[in-house]
Protein backbone atom coordinates (compact mmCIF):
# COMPACT_ATOMS: atom_id res chain seq x y z
CA MET A 1 87.43 103.47 48.24
CA LEU A 2 88.26 105.80 50.75
CA MET A 3 90.80 108.67 50.46
CA SER A 4 92.04 111.90 50.83
CA ALA A 5 89.92 115.16 49.57
CA PRO A 6 90.69 116.76 47.09
CA VAL A 7 90.69 113.47 45.69
CA PHE A 8 91.79 113.92 41.89
CA ALA A 9 92.83 116.96 40.38
CA GLY A 10 93.26 115.20 36.82
CA PHE A 11 95.49 117.13 34.37
CA ALA A 12 98.34 119.17 36.37
CA LYS A 13 101.75 120.45 36.08
CA CYS A 14 104.73 120.23 38.50
CA LYS A 15 108.49 121.00 38.69
CA LYS A 16 110.43 119.18 36.04
CA PRO A 17 113.16 116.77 37.76
CA GLU A 18 116.67 115.60 36.59
CA THR A 19 115.48 112.66 34.81
CA GLU A 20 113.88 113.54 31.82
CA ILE A 21 109.96 112.96 31.96
CA ASN A 22 106.95 114.74 30.00
CA GLU A 23 105.43 117.60 31.20
CA GLU A 24 101.44 116.70 31.66
CA PHE A 25 100.92 113.87 33.61
CA LEU A 26 98.04 112.97 35.98
CA SER A 27 98.37 113.40 40.01
CA TRP A 28 96.52 114.42 43.17
CA GLU A 29 96.89 117.60 45.17
CA GLY A 30 97.60 117.78 48.52
CA ALA A 31 98.71 115.17 51.34
CA MET A 32 99.73 111.71 50.79
CA ALA A 33 96.55 109.79 49.93
CA THR A 34 94.72 107.62 52.51
CA LEU A 35 93.09 104.21 51.06
CA LYS A 36 91.67 101.41 52.43
CA LEU A 37 93.88 98.24 51.77
CA GLY A 38 91.16 95.27 52.25
CA SER A 39 90.80 95.69 56.14
CA LYS A 40 93.61 98.35 56.94
CA ILE A 41 93.46 102.38 56.35
CA VAL A 42 96.42 103.18 55.47
CA GLY A 43 98.28 106.46 55.11
CA ASP A 44 100.76 108.87 55.65
CA ASP A 45 99.76 109.12 59.86
CA LYS A 46 98.51 105.55 60.21
CA PRO A 47 100.99 101.66 60.82
CA THR A 48 102.68 100.55 57.81
CA TYR A 49 101.03 97.78 56.09
CA PHE A 50 103.14 94.62 55.27
CA VAL A 51 102.59 92.02 52.37
CA ALA A 52 104.22 88.69 52.76
CA ASP A 53 104.33 87.84 49.28
CA ILE A 54 104.48 84.14 49.18
CA SER A 55 104.79 84.11 45.28
CA ALA A 56 106.18 80.40 44.51
CA ASN A 57 107.13 79.34 48.10
CA HIS A 58 104.05 77.12 48.35
CA ASP A 59 106.10 73.94 46.40
CA GLY A 60 102.90 73.24 45.02
CA ASN A 61 101.29 72.29 47.78
CA LEU A 62 98.03 73.49 49.22
CA GLU A 63 98.35 72.24 52.73
CA ARG A 64 102.07 74.49 52.52
CA ALA A 65 100.84 77.28 51.11
CA LYS A 66 97.94 77.85 54.05
CA LEU A 67 100.86 76.99 56.63
CA LEU A 68 102.57 79.98 55.29
CA ILE A 69 99.33 82.21 55.50
CA ARG A 70 99.28 81.23 59.30
CA LEU A 71 102.81 81.92 59.60
CA CYS A 72 103.49 85.24 58.07
CA ALA A 73 100.21 86.39 60.45
CA GLN A 74 101.84 85.24 63.65
CA ALA A 75 104.99 87.05 62.42
CA GLY A 76 102.75 90.82 61.82
CA ALA A 77 102.24 90.53 58.18
CA ASN A 78 98.87 92.09 57.12
CA ALA A 79 98.28 90.31 54.24
CA ALA A 80 99.59 87.24 52.45
CA LYS A 81 99.83 87.92 48.60
CA PHE A 82 100.35 85.19 46.19
CA GLN A 83 101.34 85.34 42.39
CA ASN A 84 98.59 84.06 39.44
CA PHE A 85 100.82 83.31 36.36
CA ARG A 86 100.59 80.01 33.89
CA ALA A 87 103.75 79.12 31.79
CA PRO A 88 102.46 79.64 28.72
CA ARG A 89 100.74 82.77 29.60
CA ILE A 90 104.19 84.21 30.74
CA VAL A 91 106.98 83.30 29.39
CA SER A 92 107.89 82.03 25.70
CA GLU A 93 110.26 78.75 25.97
CA LYS A 94 111.57 79.37 22.62
CA GLY A 95 112.39 83.19 23.50
CA PHE A 96 114.41 82.16 26.81
CA GLN A 97 116.26 78.99 24.63
CA ALA A 98 117.25 81.66 22.37
CA LEU A 99 118.97 83.36 24.91
CA GLY A 100 121.23 80.65 25.18
CA GLN A 101 121.91 80.61 29.18
CA GLN A 102 119.62 81.58 31.93
CA LEU A 103 120.99 84.83 33.05
CA SER A 104 120.97 86.77 36.26
CA HIS A 105 119.18 84.89 39.37
CA GLN A 106 118.06 82.50 37.06
CA SER A 107 121.56 81.57 36.84
CA LYS A 108 120.75 79.06 39.58
CA TRP A 109 117.82 77.50 38.61
CA LYS A 110 118.73 73.60 38.01
CA LYS A 111 115.60 73.94 35.69
CA SER A 112 114.98 75.59 31.91
CA VAL A 113 113.08 79.13 33.40
CA PHE A 114 109.72 77.71 31.30
CA GLN A 115 109.79 74.60 33.80
CA VAL A 116 110.21 76.18 36.94
CA TYR A 117 107.35 78.89 36.05
CA GLN A 118 105.19 75.29 35.27
CA ASP A 119 105.90 74.06 38.01
CA ALA A 120 105.82 77.02 40.74
CA SER A 121 102.01 77.60 38.94
CA LEU A 122 98.97 78.45 41.42
CA PRO A 123 96.01 76.29 41.05
CA TRP A 124 93.56 78.63 40.26
CA GLU A 125 90.81 76.36 42.89
CA TRP A 126 93.16 76.89 45.77
CA THR A 127 92.18 80.72 45.22
CA ALA A 128 88.61 80.51 47.77
CA ILE A 129 90.66 78.14 50.21
CA LEU A 130 93.66 80.69 50.42
CA LYS A 131 91.50 83.54 50.89
CA GLN A 132 89.40 81.76 53.50
CA GLU A 133 92.59 80.67 55.43
CA CYS A 134 93.62 84.16 55.42
CA ALA A 135 90.51 85.35 56.68
CA SER A 136 90.58 82.93 59.25
CA CYS A 137 93.91 84.11 60.80
CA GLY A 138 92.52 87.81 60.50
CA ILE A 139 95.06 89.07 57.11
CA ASP A 140 94.21 90.28 53.89
CA TYR A 141 94.57 87.82 50.94
CA PHE A 142 95.16 88.95 47.19
CA SER A 143 97.55 88.13 44.43
CA ALA A 144 98.94 89.64 41.39
CA PRO A 145 97.58 88.37 37.90
CA TYR A 146 100.07 87.76 35.44
CA ASP A 147 97.27 87.28 32.48
CA LEU A 148 94.14 89.20 31.37
CA GLU A 149 92.53 86.24 32.92
CA ALA A 150 93.58 85.74 35.95
CA VAL A 151 92.80 89.41 36.46
CA GLU A 152 89.17 88.20 35.68
CA MET A 153 89.07 84.98 37.63
CA LEU A 154 90.77 86.70 40.90
CA ASP A 155 87.98 90.07 40.63
CA SER A 156 85.40 88.50 43.25
CA HIS A 157 88.44 87.03 45.62
CA VAL A 158 90.40 90.37 46.33
CA GLU A 159 90.05 93.63 47.31
CA ILE A 160 93.54 94.47 46.13
CA PHE A 161 95.52 93.78 43.06
CA LYS A 162 98.73 93.77 42.46
CA ILE A 163 100.99 94.41 39.23
CA GLY A 164 104.66 93.15 39.13
CA SER A 165 107.13 95.45 37.79
CA GLY A 166 107.65 92.87 34.71
CA ASP A 167 103.85 94.11 33.27
CA ILE A 168 104.51 97.95 33.94
CA THR A 169 104.96 98.58 30.64
CA TRP A 170 102.01 96.36 29.04
CA PRO A 171 99.33 98.73 28.82
CA GLU A 172 96.44 96.40 28.88
CA MET A 173 97.13 94.74 31.94
CA LEU A 174 97.43 97.81 33.87
CA ARG A 175 93.86 98.75 31.90
CA ARG A 176 92.38 96.07 33.28
CA VAL A 177 93.37 95.89 37.04
CA ALA A 178 92.41 99.49 36.82
CA GLU A 179 89.06 99.44 35.52
CA LYS A 180 88.20 96.91 38.57
CA GLN A 181 88.34 99.94 40.44
CA LYS A 182 90.53 98.17 43.52
CA PRO A 183 93.26 99.38 45.23
CA VAL A 184 96.79 98.44 42.87
CA LEU A 185 100.09 98.03 43.85
CA LEU A 186 102.22 98.60 41.27
CA ALA A 187 106.09 97.77 41.33
CA THR A 188 108.50 99.97 39.19
CA GLY A 189 111.50 97.64 38.96
CA ALA A 190 113.41 97.97 36.15
CA SER A 191 112.31 100.81 34.54
CA ASP A 192 112.88 104.42 33.80
CA ILE A 193 110.56 107.75 35.18
CA ALA A 194 109.01 108.05 31.77
CA GLU A 195 108.15 104.41 31.69
CA VAL A 196 106.51 104.84 35.71
CA GLN A 197 104.75 108.29 34.52
CA ARG A 198 103.41 106.27 31.64
CA ALA A 199 102.07 103.49 33.35
CA VAL A 200 101.17 105.67 36.24
CA GLU A 201 98.86 107.33 33.87
CA GLN A 202 97.36 105.01 32.23
CA ILE A 203 96.25 103.44 35.95
CA VAL A 204 94.86 106.74 37.23
CA ALA A 205 92.94 107.77 34.31
CA ILE A 206 90.87 105.06 35.23
CA ASN A 207 91.03 104.51 39.11
CA PRO A 208 92.96 107.16 41.89
CA GLN A 209 94.33 103.78 44.11
CA LEU A 210 97.26 103.45 43.48
CA VAL A 211 100.42 102.55 45.89
CA LEU A 212 103.51 103.81 43.66
CA MET A 213 106.44 101.18 45.01
CA GLN A 214 109.91 101.48 44.77
CA CYS A 215 111.48 98.12 43.21
CA ASN A 216 115.11 96.74 42.85
CA THR A 217 114.37 93.17 40.48
CA ASN A 218 117.00 91.65 41.32
CA TYR A 219 116.41 88.33 43.04
CA THR A 220 120.12 87.32 43.90
CA GLY A 221 119.73 88.24 47.70
CA SER A 222 123.53 89.82 47.44
CA LEU A 223 124.76 92.38 49.52
CA GLU A 224 125.41 94.03 46.28
CA SER A 225 121.72 95.05 45.70
CA PHE A 226 121.77 97.29 48.50
CA ARG A 227 123.66 99.41 46.02
CA HIS A 228 120.98 99.41 43.14
CA ILE A 229 117.51 100.27 45.79
CA HIS A 230 117.53 103.84 45.72
CA LEU A 231 115.64 104.57 48.02
CA ARG A 232 115.55 108.23 47.25
CA VAL A 233 113.80 107.10 44.51
CA LEU A 234 110.71 107.50 46.67
CA ASP A 235 111.18 111.33 47.22
CA THR A 236 110.91 111.57 43.25
CA TYR A 237 107.96 109.93 43.31
CA ARG A 238 106.59 112.32 45.89
CA GLU A 239 107.63 115.14 44.02
CA ILE A 240 106.17 113.84 40.29
CA PHE A 241 103.14 112.18 41.68
CA PRO A 242 102.31 114.01 44.52
CA GLY A 243 99.84 112.67 47.18
CA VAL A 244 99.94 109.06 45.30
CA LEU A 245 100.78 106.36 48.13
CA LEU A 246 103.79 105.27 48.39
CA GLY A 247 105.86 101.53 48.73
CA LEU A 248 108.20 99.24 48.53
CA SER A 249 108.14 95.79 46.56
CA ASP A 250 111.94 94.87 48.59
CA HIS A 251 114.37 91.85 47.81
CA THR A 252 117.57 93.45 49.35
CA PRO A 253 118.39 91.11 52.62
CA GLY A 254 117.29 91.67 55.67
CA HIS A 255 115.28 95.15 57.41
CA VAL A 256 116.87 98.02 56.51
CA THR A 257 115.86 99.15 53.27
CA VAL A 258 112.89 98.86 54.91
CA LEU A 259 113.41 101.20 57.66
CA GLY A 260 114.71 103.33 55.33
CA ALA A 261 111.69 103.57 53.13
CA VAL A 262 109.10 103.64 55.85
CA ALA A 263 111.49 106.93 57.24
CA LEU A 264 111.16 108.28 53.63
CA GLY A 265 107.06 107.67 53.37
CA ALA A 266 106.97 104.51 52.28
CA ARG A 267 103.45 103.01 53.62
CA VAL A 268 103.41 99.81 52.09
CA ILE A 269 105.91 96.74 52.17
CA GLU A 270 106.19 93.84 50.54
CA LYS A 271 108.76 91.42 50.94
CA HIS A 272 109.05 87.70 50.09
CA PHE A 273 108.21 85.18 53.30
CA THR A 274 108.67 81.49 53.76
CA ASP A 275 109.77 78.88 56.44
CA ASP A 276 112.66 78.30 55.45
CA ASN A 277 115.59 79.27 53.15
CA HIS A 278 117.29 76.19 52.25
CA ARG A 279 114.32 74.64 50.32
CA GLU A 280 114.58 74.18 46.67
CA GLY A 281 112.52 76.71 44.69
CA PRO A 282 113.47 80.22 42.86
CA ASP A 283 112.03 82.60 45.49
CA HIS A 284 112.91 80.90 48.80
CA PRO A 285 116.68 81.88 48.62
CA PHE A 286 115.91 85.98 48.98
CA SER A 287 112.79 85.41 51.11
CA MET A 288 112.62 86.43 54.52
CA THR A 289 111.52 83.68 57.52
CA PRO A 290 109.06 84.23 60.39
CA GLU A 291 111.32 85.27 62.66
CA ALA A 292 113.19 87.19 60.16
CA TRP A 293 109.72 89.21 59.55
CA ARG A 294 108.37 89.59 63.95
CA GLU A 295 111.85 91.52 63.58
CA MET A 296 110.98 93.77 60.70
CA VAL A 297 107.65 94.74 61.76
CA ASP A 298 108.67 95.14 65.65
CA ARG A 299 111.30 98.02 64.63
CA THR A 300 109.26 99.01 62.20
CA ARG A 301 106.69 100.14 64.93
CA GLU A 302 109.30 101.41 66.84
CA LEU A 303 110.55 103.62 63.65
CA GLU A 304 107.18 104.87 63.75
CA CYS A 305 107.21 105.60 67.35
CA ALA A 306 110.21 107.45 66.70
CA LEU A 307 109.11 109.30 63.60
CA GLY A 308 106.58 111.11 65.43
CA SER A 309 105.68 114.54 64.81
CA PRO A 310 107.41 117.86 62.86
CA LEU A 311 106.14 119.89 65.81
CA LYS A 312 109.61 120.41 67.54
CA LYS A 313 108.83 121.58 71.14
CA VAL A 314 109.85 120.38 74.54
CA GLU A 315 107.93 117.39 74.82
CA ASP A 316 106.37 115.80 78.44
CA ASN A 317 109.58 113.73 78.99
CA GLU A 318 111.69 116.56 78.90
CA ARG A 319 110.08 118.94 81.53
CA GLU A 320 112.29 118.19 84.39
CA THR A 321 115.52 117.66 81.47
CA VAL A 322 115.03 121.44 80.84
CA VAL A 323 115.60 122.86 84.44
CA LEU A 324 118.46 119.85 85.53
CA GLN A 325 120.35 120.83 81.78
CA ARG A 326 119.63 124.47 81.23
CA ARG A 327 121.31 127.40 82.86
CA CYS A 328 120.17 130.16 84.43
CA LEU A 329 122.07 134.09 85.34
CA ARG A 330 123.19 133.33 89.25
CA ALA A 331 124.98 135.76 91.41
CA SER A 332 128.71 135.29 91.39
CA THR A 333 128.94 136.89 94.44
CA ASN A 334 127.19 138.16 97.48
CA LEU A 335 124.91 141.16 96.10
CA GLY A 336 123.11 143.31 98.03
CA SER A 337 120.12 145.10 97.46
CA GLY A 338 119.94 148.20 95.29
CA THR A 339 123.00 147.04 93.50
CA VAL A 340 123.04 148.19 89.94
CA LEU A 341 124.02 144.71 87.72
CA ARG A 342 126.91 144.59 85.62
CA PRO A 343 128.10 141.59 83.44
CA GLU A 344 130.65 140.09 85.94
CA MET A 345 128.27 139.79 88.52
CA LEU A 346 126.50 136.98 87.11
CA GLU A 347 127.13 133.90 85.33
CA ALA A 348 125.16 131.23 83.99
CA LEU A 349 125.38 127.70 85.81
CA ARG A 350 122.57 124.66 85.98
CA PRO A 351 119.94 124.09 87.07
CA ALA A 352 117.78 126.76 85.47
CA PRO A 353 114.40 126.70 87.45
CA ARG A 354 111.19 127.54 85.63
CA ASP A 355 111.33 131.37 86.86
CA ALA A 356 114.69 132.14 86.44
CA VAL A 357 115.94 134.95 83.91
CA MET A 358 117.87 132.78 81.63
CA PRO A 359 121.58 133.55 79.73
CA PHE A 360 119.74 135.03 76.52
CA ASP A 361 118.49 137.66 78.71
CA LEU A 362 121.50 139.30 80.21
CA PRO A 363 121.32 141.92 78.10
CA ARG A 364 118.27 143.10 79.48
CA VAL A 365 119.08 143.29 83.02
CA MET A 366 122.55 145.01 82.68
CA GLY A 367 122.18 148.30 84.93
CA LYS A 368 118.88 147.20 86.72
CA MET A 369 118.74 147.76 90.18
CA LEU A 370 118.13 144.27 93.04
CA THR A 371 114.81 145.10 95.00
CA ARG A 372 116.52 142.81 97.57
CA ASP A 373 119.73 140.39 98.87
CA LEU A 374 120.74 137.91 95.78
CA PRO A 375 123.50 135.46 97.86
CA SER A 376 126.45 134.15 95.31
CA GLY A 377 125.07 130.88 93.85
CA GLU A 378 121.01 132.00 93.84
CA TYR A 379 120.14 132.60 90.51
CA LEU A 380 117.78 135.86 89.75
CA LYS A 381 114.18 136.38 89.31
CA TRP A 382 112.61 139.29 87.20
CA ASN A 383 110.81 139.89 90.44
CA MET A 384 113.64 140.96 92.00
CA LEU A 385 114.71 143.58 89.26
CA THR A 386 113.70 147.48 89.33
CA GLY A 387 111.12 147.50 85.92
CA ALA A 388 110.79 143.85 86.35
CA GLY A 389 107.23 144.42 84.85
CA GLU A 390 108.20 146.17 81.49
CA ALA A 391 111.53 144.49 80.79
CA HIS A 392 110.19 140.77 81.41
């Protein structure tokens, strides 16, 4: 584990936000945490870590799963993430039948919810093979377990765990994953701030290596989702959980939401990945293709450069334009040596050589005497004035 010091401050209080939360919560103090996620160091001043969620897009074919790993690595992903669920351990067939109809994104599924999960289940025996494929491609492998046995199975194979939004209210899962003492990515879709706080408390009481990810769990790929992603929740998380590493688990179309999240401080980005949005399967329609993924990564890297430093100063590439675009005080008419300066004798014009008197110093030169001739249009220097040493 690698974190910025101080690592863990125990119980602390913070300003209460508009949404009701408990007064006491676990947090870190100081700057944003720095974590080692697989092979990368991730933090406020580090490059964004991109997670390609292959999820069910392997379509039950190991060779296809390996192909998607290769493609996402080529497109700039830092990790390929899978999901380890088994239909009887994640959904109740009877429960979904009792709903009477399939809702939200599931309404487009041609099979029952139970059957879709059954078909999309990732065989456990693939785990070591997928990890090796990721290693061969130079990216990290990890997965989201959806039952407690899957946590134990994955533990010897992964350096990172992901907890999906749907398990944010399952304390046993939160604690079991946290106990592995590996970085935990916690998605927070379809939850309120009190539920997020409770989950954060349960994890960091055991393991401070947390990435807290804003998320909206609508998988329709609709443009309407932009109205519901609420990236400013990242600001809320930073206020309530100071020092926690932030991320975004995103299902909106394209990558504009990703750019916004990175600008707001997210340093881990997760999006679904496929090679074809038209394939049959629950996750293909809203997943990113290799071309779209590469575009997202490239634009994010440009954004990271553009975000730069909080220090405001004249930059190296502006030093010439400081001269070209700024104004300085110049003689509006021919002025002889001994002239006592009055406002109408000077005007502010470009360019402004570095040794020129600037317009904001006009009051300081009024009443001073020129020690040499100043032809019309020539700029005024401090060494041309009586008492220049004291004035400048």
